[in-house]
Amino acid sequence: MKMTIVIDTDDPNGISDALKIAQMLDSKYGSSPHFRKESFGKIEFIKVIRQFMKESIKHLNDDESNQVKDINDMANLRNAKRFADRLWQSKL
């Protein structure tokens, strides 16, 4: 399917509509990876932070886990990235 979209620069609503059509076509037929903007509220954010802290403490107290070796490891980037990856993948 081929389509030509003509945009009238004097029509702001038409420009917005053309963008919506292009985004819809891209999401349906595009081949590049799509990025989306995640949004969440303050309470949800607080709950995720609590979940991260609880999980980090659990790994700290688990002798068989090498993810968090000591208290300083809890705030390292690697620990935060592992948690974020698991959280992100569960939302996709």
Protein backbone atom coordinates (compact mmCIF):
# COMPACT_ATOMS: atom_id res chain seq x y z
CA MET A 1 0.00 0.00 0.00
CA LYS A 2 1.28 3.44 -0.86
CA MET A 3 -0.23 6.63 0.42
CA THR A 4 0.46 10.31 -0.09
CA ILE A 5 -0.48 12.75 2.64
CA VAL A 6 -0.84 16.36 1.59
CA ILE A 7 -0.42 18.85 4.43
CA ASP A 8 -1.91 22.31 4.26
CA THR A 9 0.32 24.52 6.41
CA ASP A 10 -2.56 26.97 6.86
CA ASP A 11 -4.66 24.30 8.59
CA PRO A 12 -3.37 23.53 12.13
CA ASN A 13 -6.05 20.87 12.70
CA GLY A 14 -5.11 19.20 9.42
CA ILE A 15 -1.46 19.09 10.46
CA SER A 16 -2.41 17.40 13.74
CA ASP A 17 -4.62 14.93 11.90
CA ALA A 18 -1.86 14.12 9.41
CA LEU A 19 0.53 13.44 12.31
CA LYS A 20 -2.01 11.11 13.92
CA ILE A 21 -2.43 9.22 10.65
CA ALA A 22 1.35 8.93 10.18
CA GLN A 23 1.80 7.67 13.76
CA MET A 24 -1.00 5.14 13.31
CA LEU A 25 0.54 3.87 10.06
CA ASP A 26 3.98 3.71 11.67
CA SER A 27 2.71 1.70 14.63
CA LYS A 28 0.82 -0.70 12.36
CA TYR A 29 3.22 -1.07 9.43
CA GLY A 30 6.55 0.41 10.53
CA SER A 31 9.55 -1.85 11.02
CA SER A 32 11.65 0.23 13.40
CA PRO A 33 11.46 -0.33 17.16
CA HIS A 34 8.83 1.81 18.80
CA PHE A 35 9.40 3.80 21.91
CA ARG A 36 6.66 4.81 24.20
CA LYS A 37 6.46 7.29 26.97
CA GLU A 38 5.65 5.70 30.28
CA SER A 39 3.59 7.72 32.66
CA PHE A 40 2.64 7.01 36.23
CA GLY A 41 1.36 8.78 39.28
CA LYS A 42 3.12 9.70 42.48
CA ILE A 43 1.59 6.85 44.52
CA GLU A 44 2.58 4.26 41.91
CA PHE A 45 6.10 5.69 41.87
CA ILE A 46 6.34 5.42 45.68
CA LYS A 47 5.14 1.81 45.52
CA VAL A 48 7.80 0.95 42.94
CA ILE A 49 10.51 2.53 45.09
CA ARG A 50 9.31 0.49 48.08
CA GLN A 51 9.34 -2.65 45.95
CA PHE A 52 12.94 -1.90 44.90
CA MET A 53 14.02 -1.38 48.52
CA LYS A 54 12.32 -4.59 49.72
CA GLU A 55 13.84 -6.62 46.91
CA SER A 56 17.31 -5.16 47.54
CA ILE A 57 17.07 -5.98 51.25
CA LYS A 58 15.94 -9.52 50.41
CA HIS A 59 19.02 -9.98 48.17
CA LEU A 60 21.26 -8.47 50.87
CA ASN A 61 20.01 -10.97 53.45
CA ASP A 62 20.19 -13.93 51.06
CA ASP A 63 23.62 -15.56 51.33
CA GLU A 64 23.13 -17.39 48.02
CA SER A 65 22.37 -14.19 46.08
CA ASN A 66 25.32 -12.24 44.77
CA GLN A 67 23.22 -9.34 43.44
CA VAL A 68 23.61 -7.24 46.62
CA LYS A 69 26.75 -8.12 48.55
CA ASP A 70 26.77 -5.30 51.09
CA ILE A 71 24.87 -2.15 52.01
CA ASN A 72 26.80 -0.07 49.46
CA ASP A 73 25.79 -2.47 46.69
CA MET A 74 22.11 -1.66 47.27
CA ALA A 75 22.40 1.74 45.58
CA ASN A 76 24.73 0.80 42.75
CA LEU A 77 23.69 1.27 39.16
CA ARG A 78 23.83 -2.44 38.36
CA ASN A 79 21.31 -3.29 41.07
CA ALA A 80 18.96 -0.49 39.97
CA LYS A 81 19.28 -1.54 36.31
CA ARG A 82 18.42 -5.17 37.06
CA PHE A 83 15.31 -4.08 38.91
CA ALA A 84 14.31 -1.61 36.19
CA ASP A 85 14.79 -4.24 33.49
CA ARG A 86 12.54 -6.71 35.30
CA LEU A 87 9.94 -4.03 35.93
CA TRP A 88 10.05 -2.74 32.36
CA GLN A 89 9.78 -6.20 30.82
CA SER A 90 6.72 -7.00 32.92
CA LYS A 91 4.93 -3.93 31.48
CA LEU A 92 5.63 -4.70 27.83
